[in-house]
Amino acid sequence: MPVVLAGARGHGRWHLDNIRRLTREGLVRLAGICELTPLDEEELAGLGSPEQSADFAALLESTGARIAVVCTPIHTHTDLALTAAERGVHLLLEKPPAPSYAEFERMVKGVRAAGVACQIGFQSLGSHAVTAVRDLIADGAIGAVRGIGAAGAWSRDLAYWDRAPWAGRRRMEGRDVVDGVLTNPLAHAVATALRIDGGDRAEDVAGIELELYRANAIESDDTSCVRLRTAHGDGTAGEITAAVTLCAERPGEPYVVVHGTGGRITFWYKQDRLLLQRDGHAPETTEHARTDLLRNLVAHLTGGEELLVPPERTGAFMRLVEAVRTAPEPRPLPAGAWRTEPGPGGDGSARRIVTGIDELVAAGAEELALYSELSDGSGPRAPWAAPAEPRRRSERETERELERKGAEA
């Protein structure tokens, strides 16, 4: 199946390697690459001689592409997705799918009208561990779910924010970008928690509380937390609290933890690894397989296999993106809350570190608390944190909450 890749450098190199892998299996063929600067022979090793052009529309038409993989700046996603859809080309669209909910709706409407398939690139949702967690919850392995925490403590050096004009921007040249820690680098933490919760559609979101901060000299947030409340169609409700940073002291693997009345499940989603801890049993660790999203899209087109991440299953995440987009500007952390240190690679790079943030991130996921709510008994653990400002609910969200309360009554 002929594929065109838009954006083959930066994170696009991962897609290039993945296409190379699937090419060896005979599933796809790289027919074209859309880049401002053509790739050289070394970058294209094992991929033949695909056509290269900076004109995405012309490339789709000249190559006869069946699938377009779009891994470009966030604010270009909608227009490129619609360019492909209008030509009958199916899509693997990188996350976040759009920089605003209005752009997301425009993309979804166009894709549906064109009758093409669209997969959103939340790779963690291809993990078989997600189904395993949901099955454990349904079987009552940890009792009733009290809430879901997500934690991500990563580090990015100062050069990360200079890698592209749109990096770390909320808007650029009058267009929304919303490249913050919650919406892009650690977006999987929230999206995975929403899928486990079962409240991943836009109409499932009943409320959002945000705390956005930044240590780096950028527009967007690099150290943030969020609480999402969900209202499910069966009348039940859920709560997800995510605490994330790109200014960690000791970067580690991000994870999602499901808290139950009789135990807990921890899911390291990049490693597809689960830890089940429940009352009266020894801890159990399991590792799970993962279905690649491009492979799944090909199987959908050739054999009718269900898409793992269709746009509608990312609607709740896009409610978060919209909340971040419309929130007040992220609060700059006071100079005493962070420090600059050399990067770990000894290559002359430097990074900003928020003092004590690793413990705060872990505590947020453990206690289902926002940074401003964390206390050690003698005072706030994050003295720089201000209480979250609840996002105003839409009329539909208010209706859902009333429906839920009525069902509970």
Protein backbone atom coordinates (compact mmCIF):
# COMPACT_ATOMS: atom_id res chain seq x y z
CA MET A 1 0.00 0.00 0.00
CA PRO A 2 1.62 3.29 -1.09
CA VAL A 3 2.31 5.76 1.73
CA VAL A 4 3.34 9.42 1.74
CA LEU A 5 5.07 10.76 4.85
CA ALA A 6 4.70 14.46 5.62
CA GLY A 7 7.40 15.44 8.09
CA ALA A 8 10.28 12.96 8.03
CA ARG A 9 12.67 14.65 10.43
CA GLY A 10 12.46 15.27 14.17
CA HIS A 11 9.80 12.91 15.49
CA GLY A 12 9.13 12.02 11.85
CA ARG A 13 12.26 9.85 11.91
CA TRP A 14 10.34 7.43 14.13
CA HIS A 15 7.67 7.14 11.44
CA LEU A 16 10.34 6.73 8.78
CA ASP A 17 11.83 3.80 10.72
CA ASN A 18 8.38 2.32 11.25
CA ILE A 19 7.57 2.52 7.54
CA ARG A 20 10.93 0.87 6.85
CA ARG A 21 9.95 -1.95 9.22
CA LEU A 22 6.55 -2.46 7.59
CA THR A 23 8.12 -2.25 4.12
CA ARG A 24 10.30 -5.25 4.97
CA GLU A 25 7.11 -7.11 5.87
CA GLY A 26 5.55 -6.24 2.52
CA LEU A 27 2.66 -4.21 4.01
CA VAL A 28 3.49 -0.72 2.75
CA ARG A 29 5.70 1.10 0.27
CA LEU A 30 7.05 4.60 0.84
CA ALA A 31 5.85 6.36 -2.30
CA GLY A 32 6.63 9.93 -1.29
CA ILE A 33 8.12 12.27 1.29
CA CYS A 34 6.95 15.81 1.88
CA GLU A 35 9.79 17.85 3.37
CA LEU A 36 11.19 21.33 2.80
CA THR A 37 14.67 19.82 2.37
CA PRO A 38 14.86 16.45 0.57
CA LEU A 39 16.21 13.45 2.46
CA ASP A 40 19.55 11.98 1.38
CA GLU A 41 20.42 8.39 0.47
CA GLU A 42 21.52 7.52 3.99
CA GLU A 43 18.21 8.69 5.49
CA LEU A 44 16.33 6.67 2.86
CA ALA A 45 18.30 3.43 3.27
CA GLY A 46 16.00 0.46 2.71
CA LEU A 47 13.17 2.61 1.38
CA GLY A 48 13.99 2.79 -2.32
CA SER A 49 13.72 6.12 -4.12
CA PRO A 50 10.43 7.73 -3.08
CA GLU A 51 9.34 10.92 -4.81
CA GLN A 52 10.16 14.02 -2.76
CA SER A 53 8.41 17.36 -2.80
CA ALA A 54 7.43 20.25 -0.54
CA ASP A 55 4.00 20.31 -2.24
CA PHE A 56 1.88 17.85 -0.23
CA ALA A 57 -1.20 17.93 -2.47
CA ALA A 58 0.79 17.42 -5.67
CA LEU A 59 2.75 14.59 -4.06
CA LEU A 60 -0.40 12.75 -3.03
CA GLU A 61 -1.75 12.96 -6.56
CA SER A 62 1.46 12.04 -8.40
CA THR A 63 2.23 9.03 -6.17
CA GLY A 64 -1.28 7.59 -5.99
CA ALA A 65 -0.90 7.36 -2.21
CA ARG A 66 -3.50 5.38 -0.25
CA ILE A 67 -2.25 6.54 3.16
CA ALA A 68 -0.70 9.79 4.36
CA VAL A 69 1.26 9.88 7.61
CA VAL A 70 1.20 13.48 8.88
CA CYS A 71 3.91 14.37 11.41
CA THR A 72 4.19 18.13 11.01
CA PRO A 73 3.82 21.15 13.34
CA ILE A 74 0.60 21.05 15.36
CA HIS A 75 -0.95 24.09 13.71
CA THR A 76 -0.65 22.49 10.25
CA HIS A 77 -2.45 19.24 11.12
CA THR A 78 -5.99 20.20 10.16
CA ASP A 79 -5.20 21.69 6.76
CA LEU A 80 -2.92 18.80 5.77
CA ALA A 81 -5.43 16.21 6.98
CA LEU A 82 -8.15 17.81 4.88
CA THR A 83 -5.83 18.05 1.88
CA ALA A 84 -5.40 14.28 2.09
CA ALA A 85 -9.07 13.57 2.79
CA GLU A 86 -10.23 15.61 -0.20
CA ARG A 87 -8.11 13.32 -2.40
CA GLY A 88 -9.47 10.13 -0.86
CA VAL A 89 -6.24 9.42 1.04
CA HIS A 90 -6.53 7.74 4.44
CA LEU A 91 -4.70 9.21 7.42
CA LEU A 92 -2.38 8.50 10.32
CA LEU A 93 -2.35 11.91 12.01
CA GLU A 94 0.12 12.67 14.78
CA LYS A 95 -1.10 13.84 18.18
CA PRO A 96 -2.41 16.26 19.18
CA PRO A 97 -4.76 16.08 16.19
CA ALA A 98 -5.42 19.84 16.25
CA PRO A 99 -4.52 22.95 18.28
CA SER A 100 -8.14 23.81 19.15
CA TYR A 101 -11.47 22.09 19.46
CA ALA A 102 -12.89 24.11 16.56
CA GLU A 103 -10.03 22.94 14.31
CA PHE A 104 -10.57 19.38 15.52
CA GLU A 105 -14.26 19.54 14.61
CA ARG A 106 -13.41 20.97 11.19
CA MET A 107 -10.98 18.12 10.59
CA VAL A 108 -13.42 15.44 11.76
CA LYS A 109 -16.23 16.86 9.62
CA GLY A 110 -14.03 16.93 6.53
CA VAL A 111 -12.71 13.41 7.07
CA ARG A 112 -16.23 12.04 7.51
CA ALA A 113 -17.52 13.85 4.43
CA ALA A 114 -14.67 12.40 2.37
CA GLY A 115 -15.30 8.88 3.68
CA VAL A 116 -11.65 8.23 4.55
CA ALA A 117 -10.26 6.47 7.60
CA CYS A 118 -8.31 8.49 10.15
CA GLN A 119 -6.12 7.15 12.94
CA ILE A 120 -4.74 9.52 15.58
CA GLY A 121 -1.15 8.80 16.61
CA PHE A 122 -1.51 7.98 20.30
CA GLN A 123 0.79 4.98 20.08
CA SER A 124 0.20 3.96 23.72
CA LEU A 125 -3.42 3.15 22.86
CA GLY A 126 -2.15 0.31 20.71
CA SER A 127 -0.82 -1.41 23.82
CA HIS A 128 -2.65 -4.60 24.73
CA ALA A 129 -2.04 -3.62 28.34
CA VAL A 130 -4.82 -1.03 28.07
CA THR A 131 -7.36 -3.80 27.46
CA ALA A 132 -5.77 -5.87 30.23
CA VAL A 133 -6.23 -3.01 32.72
CA ARG A 134 -9.85 -2.50 31.72
CA ASP A 135 -10.50 -6.23 32.05
CA LEU A 136 -8.97 -6.29 35.54
CA ILE A 137 -11.16 -3.36 36.56
CA ALA A 138 -14.28 -4.99 35.11
CA ASP A 139 -13.48 -8.23 36.98
CA GLY A 140 -13.24 -6.34 40.27
CA ALA A 141 -9.58 -7.21 40.78
CA ILE A 142 -8.93 -3.97 42.72
CA GLY A 143 -12.46 -3.28 43.94
CA ALA A 144 -14.24 -0.07 43.01
CA VAL A 145 -12.10 2.51 41.19
CA ARG A 146 -11.47 5.61 43.34
CA GLY A 147 -9.66 7.53 40.63
CA ILE A 148 -6.84 7.40 38.09
CA GLY A 149 -3.51 9.21 38.45
CA ALA A 150 -0.97 9.92 35.72
CA ALA A 151 2.61 11.02 36.25
CA GLY A 152 5.30 12.11 33.83
CA ALA A 153 8.71 13.47 34.90
CA TRP A 154 10.78 14.15 31.80
CA SER A 155 13.59 16.57 31.04
CA ARG A 156 14.23 18.68 27.95
CA ASP A 157 17.33 20.79 27.43
CA LEU A 158 17.23 24.43 26.37
CA ALA A 159 17.93 23.47 22.75
CA TYR A 160 14.64 21.56 22.67
CA TRP A 161 12.78 24.85 22.73
CA ASP A 162 14.90 26.21 19.87
CA ARG A 163 14.50 23.21 17.58
CA ALA A 164 11.63 24.77 15.60
CA PRO A 165 9.91 28.19 15.45
CA TRP A 166 6.69 26.70 16.90
CA ALA A 167 8.30 24.85 19.81
CA GLY A 168 6.96 25.97 23.18
CA ARG A 169 4.52 28.40 21.58
CA ARG A 170 0.86 28.95 22.45
CA ARG A 171 0.23 30.79 19.22
CA MET A 172 2.25 31.95 16.26
CA GLU A 173 1.44 34.44 13.50
CA GLY A 174 -2.16 34.60 14.67
CA ARG A 175 -2.63 30.81 14.73
CA ASP A 176 -3.04 28.53 17.75
CA VAL A 177 -0.16 26.14 18.39
CA VAL A 178 -0.61 25.05 22.05
CA ASP A 179 2.67 23.16 22.30
CA GLY A 180 2.72 22.52 26.06
CA VAL A 181 3.72 19.56 28.21
CA LEU A 182 0.14 18.35 28.70
CA THR A 183 -0.88 18.72 25.06
CA ASN A 184 2.20 17.37 23.31
CA PRO A 185 5.25 15.68 24.96
CA LEU A 186 3.27 13.98 27.75
CA ALA A 187 -0.10 13.93 26.02
CA HIS A 188 -0.06 10.12 26.13
CA ALA A 189 -0.32 10.19 29.92
CA VAL A 190 -3.72 11.89 29.79
CA ALA A 191 -4.99 10.09 26.68
CA THR A 192 -4.11 6.69 28.15
CA ALA A 193 -5.81 7.50 31.45
CA LEU A 194 -8.94 8.64 29.59
CA ARG A 195 -9.08 5.41 27.58
CA ILE A 196 -8.71 3.31 30.75
CA ASP A 197 -11.41 5.39 32.42
CA GLY A 198 -13.72 4.83 29.45
CA GLY A 199 -14.41 8.56 29.21
CA ASP A 200 -12.38 9.40 26.10
CA ARG A 201 -15.15 10.98 24.01
CA ALA A 202 -15.81 14.71 24.02
CA GLU A 203 -19.26 14.33 25.58
CA ASP A 204 -17.78 12.37 28.50
CA VAL A 205 -15.97 15.38 29.96
CA ALA A 206 -17.85 16.91 32.91
CA GLY A 207 -15.19 19.27 34.24
CA ILE A 208 -11.56 20.34 33.94
CA GLU A 209 -9.26 22.03 36.48
CA LEU A 210 -5.86 23.23 35.30
CA GLU A 211 -2.64 24.52 36.81
CA LEU A 212 -0.14 25.62 34.16
CA TYR A 213 3.41 26.72 35.00
CA ARG A 214 6.70 27.26 33.20
CA ALA A 215 10.31 27.34 34.31
CA ASN A 216 11.67 27.85 30.80
CA ALA A 217 11.53 31.11 28.85
CA ILE A 218 8.69 29.92 26.60
CA GLU A 219 5.03 30.79 26.04
CA SER A 220 3.59 27.39 26.88
CA ASP A 221 3.60 25.28 30.04
CA ASP A 222 6.43 22.90 30.91
CA THR A 223 5.27 21.91 34.44
CA SER A 224 1.53 21.39 34.87
CA CYS A 225 -1.29 19.36 36.35
CA VAL A 226 -4.93 18.76 35.51
CA ARG A 227 -7.99 17.13 37.02
CA LEU A 228 -10.60 15.81 34.60
CA ARG A 229 -14.00 14.62 35.74
CA THR A 230 -15.88 12.30 33.43
CA ALA A 231 -19.53 11.29 33.26
CA HIS A 232 -20.12 7.95 31.56
CA GLY A 233 -23.17 6.91 29.64
CA ASP A 234 -24.11 4.34 32.27
CA GLY A 235 -24.45 7.04 34.93
CA THR A 236 -21.09 6.41 36.59
CA ALA A 237 -18.41 9.08 36.98
CA GLY A 238 -14.63 9.09 36.86
CA GLU A 239 -11.78 11.29 38.01
CA ILE A 240 -8.33 11.60 36.48
CA THR A 241 -5.48 13.67 37.89
CA ALA A 242 -2.30 14.08 35.85
CA ALA A 243 0.90 15.76 37.01
CA VAL A 244 3.67 16.26 34.45
CA THR A 245 6.90 18.17 33.88
CA LEU A 246 9.74 18.60 31.40
CA CYS A 247 12.00 19.92 34.17
CA ALA A 248 12.64 16.73 36.15
CA GLU A 249 15.65 16.26 38.42
CA ARG A 250 15.87 12.55 37.60
CA PRO A 251 13.82 11.79 34.46
CA GLY A 252 11.87 8.53 34.60
CA GLU A 253 9.26 6.46 32.81
CA PRO A 254 5.77 8.01 32.76
CA TYR A 255 2.94 5.92 34.13
CA VAL A 256 -0.78 5.71 34.85
CA VAL A 257 -2.00 4.32 38.19
CA VAL A 258 -5.55 3.12 38.84
CA HIS A 259 -6.51 3.41 42.50
CA GLY A 260 -9.10 0.94 43.76
CA THR A 261 -10.73 0.22 47.10
CA GLY A 262 -8.93 -3.14 47.19
CA GLY A 263 -5.69 -2.51 45.33
CA ARG A 264 -4.05 -0.67 42.47
CA ILE A 265 -2.76 -1.14 38.92
CA THR A 266 0.31 0.73 37.66
CA PHE A 267 0.84 0.92 33.90
CA TRP A 268 4.17 2.12 32.46
CA TYR A 269 2.72 2.83 29.06
CA LYS A 270 5.95 3.26 27.08
CA GLN A 271 7.11 -0.15 28.29
CA ASP A 272 3.73 -1.95 28.03
CA ARG A 273 4.29 -3.15 31.60
CA LEU A 274 1.71 -3.62 34.36
CA LEU A 275 2.02 -4.05 38.11
CA LEU A 276 -1.06 -5.40 39.88
CA GLN A 277 -1.12 -4.94 43.65
CA ARG A 278 -4.22 -6.13 45.49
CA ASP A 279 -5.18 -7.00 48.98
CA GLY A 280 -4.35 -10.56 50.02
CA HIS A 281 -2.22 -11.31 46.93
CA ALA A 282 1.44 -11.06 45.99
CA PRO A 283 2.28 -8.31 43.45
CA GLU A 284 2.01 -9.43 39.82
CA THR A 285 4.03 -7.91 36.97
CA THR A 286 3.08 -8.60 33.36
CA GLU A 287 4.38 -7.37 30.01
CA HIS A 288 2.13 -7.00 26.99
CA ALA A 289 2.33 -6.78 23.21
CA ARG A 290 1.48 -3.69 21.22
CA THR A 291 -0.27 -3.22 17.88
CA ASP A 292 1.38 -0.61 15.69
CA LEU A 293 -1.11 2.06 14.62
CA LEU A 294 -0.02 2.16 10.97
CA ARG A 295 -0.27 -1.62 10.80
CA ASN A 296 -3.75 -1.35 12.34
CA LEU A 297 -4.76 1.26 9.75
CA VAL A 298 -3.59 -1.01 6.92
CA ALA A 299 -5.53 -3.93 8.46
CA HIS A 300 -8.60 -1.70 8.71
CA LEU A 301 -8.40 -0.82 5.03
CA THR A 302 -7.63 -4.33 3.79
CA GLY A 303 -9.61 -6.47 6.19
CA GLY A 304 -12.05 -4.28 8.09
CA GLU A 305 -10.20 -4.44 11.41
CA GLU A 306 -11.49 -1.86 13.90
CA LEU A 307 -9.41 1.30 14.17
CA LEU A 308 -7.71 1.61 17.55
CA VAL A 309 -7.68 5.42 17.74
CA PRO A 310 -10.35 7.02 15.54
CA PRO A 311 -10.81 10.78 16.05
CA GLU A 312 -13.96 10.44 18.16
CA ARG A 313 -12.00 8.43 20.75
CA THR A 314 -9.72 11.45 21.26
CA GLY A 315 -12.52 13.98 21.78
CA ALA A 316 -12.05 14.15 25.55
CA PHE A 317 -8.34 14.80 25.09
CA MET A 318 -9.22 17.61 22.69
CA ARG A 319 -11.44 19.13 25.42
CA LEU A 320 -8.25 19.31 27.48
CA VAL A 321 -6.37 20.94 24.59
CA GLU A 322 -9.13 23.53 24.32
CA ALA A 323 -9.02 24.17 28.07
CA VAL A 324 -5.26 24.74 27.90
CA ARG A 325 -5.68 26.96 24.84
CA THR A 326 -8.24 29.20 26.53
CA ALA A 327 -6.64 29.19 30.00
CA PRO A 328 -4.72 32.18 31.35
CA GLU A 329 -1.07 32.29 30.32
CA PRO A 330 1.07 29.75 32.25
CA ARG A 331 2.51 31.21 35.46
CA PRO A 332 6.30 31.69 35.36
CA LEU A 333 7.85 29.93 38.33
CA PRO A 334 9.84 32.20 40.67
CA ALA A 335 13.59 32.13 40.13
CA GLY A 336 14.10 30.34 43.45
CA ALA A 337 11.95 27.40 42.33
CA TRP A 338 14.24 26.27 39.53
CA ARG A 339 17.91 26.06 38.61
CA THR A 340 19.97 25.55 35.47
CA GLU A 341 22.31 22.56 35.21
CA PRO A 342 24.45 21.01 32.46
CA GLY A 343 22.77 18.28 30.47
CA PRO A 344 23.58 14.65 31.38
CA GLY A 345 25.29 13.91 28.07
CA GLY A 346 28.32 16.14 28.63
CA ASP A 347 27.72 17.75 25.24
CA GLY A 348 27.53 21.31 26.50
CA SER A 349 23.74 21.38 26.68
CA ALA A 350 21.91 22.87 29.67
CA ARG A 351 18.47 22.38 31.16
CA ARG A 352 16.22 23.97 33.74
CA ILE A 353 15.21 21.84 36.71
CA VAL A 354 12.34 22.54 39.11
CA THR A 355 13.50 21.71 42.62
CA GLY A 356 11.56 18.80 44.13
CA ILE A 357 9.31 18.36 41.08
CA ASP A 358 9.88 14.60 40.79
CA GLU A 359 8.32 14.04 44.21
CA LEU A 360 5.48 16.47 43.46
CA VAL A 361 4.62 14.69 40.22
CA ALA A 362 4.56 11.31 41.97
CA ALA A 363 2.51 12.71 44.86
CA GLY A 364 -0.04 14.22 42.48
CA ALA A 365 -0.68 10.84 40.85
CA GLU A 366 -0.67 9.04 44.21
CA GLU A 367 -2.97 11.44 46.06
CA LEU A 368 -5.06 12.47 43.02
CA ALA A 369 -4.15 16.03 43.93
CA LEU A 370 -3.16 19.16 42.05
CA TYR A 371 0.12 20.86 42.93
CA SER A 372 -1.68 23.56 44.94
CA GLU A 373 -3.42 20.87 47.02
CA LEU A 374 -0.29 19.00 48.07
CA SER A 375 0.69 19.55 51.70
CA ASP A 376 3.14 17.96 54.12
CA GLY A 377 1.14 18.91 57.21
CA SER A 378 3.15 22.02 57.99
CA GLY A 379 2.40 23.85 54.77
CA PRO A 380 2.15 23.57 50.98
CA ARG A 381 4.68 21.29 49.30
CA ALA A 382 4.70 23.54 46.22
CA PRO A 383 4.60 27.09 47.62
CA TRP A 384 4.68 28.48 44.09
CA ALA A 385 1.43 26.73 43.13
CA ALA A 386 -1.79 28.73 42.92
CA PRO A 387 -5.24 27.06 43.14
CA ALA A 388 -6.65 25.87 39.85
CA GLU A 389 -9.27 27.90 38.08
CA PRO A 390 -12.13 25.55 37.12
CA ARG A 391 -12.96 25.80 33.44
CA ARG A 392 -16.47 26.98 32.73
CA ARG A 393 -18.61 24.09 31.64
CA SER A 394 -20.36 23.99 28.31
CA GLU A 395 -24.14 23.60 28.22
CA ARG A 396 -23.71 19.98 27.09
CA GLU A 397 -21.36 19.20 29.97
CA THR A 398 -23.83 20.73 32.43
CA GLU A 399 -26.59 18.57 30.96
CA ARG A 400 -24.43 15.46 31.34
CA GLU A 401 -23.73 16.28 34.98
CA LEU A 402 -27.45 16.77 35.69
CA GLU A 403 -28.22 13.49 33.96
CA ARG A 404 -25.58 11.72 36.06
CA LYS A 405 -26.89 13.17 39.32
CA GLY A 406 -30.41 12.20 38.34
CA ALA A 407 -29.31 8.64 37.63
CA GLU A 408 -27.53 8.43 40.98
CA ALA A 409 -30.61 9.74 42.76
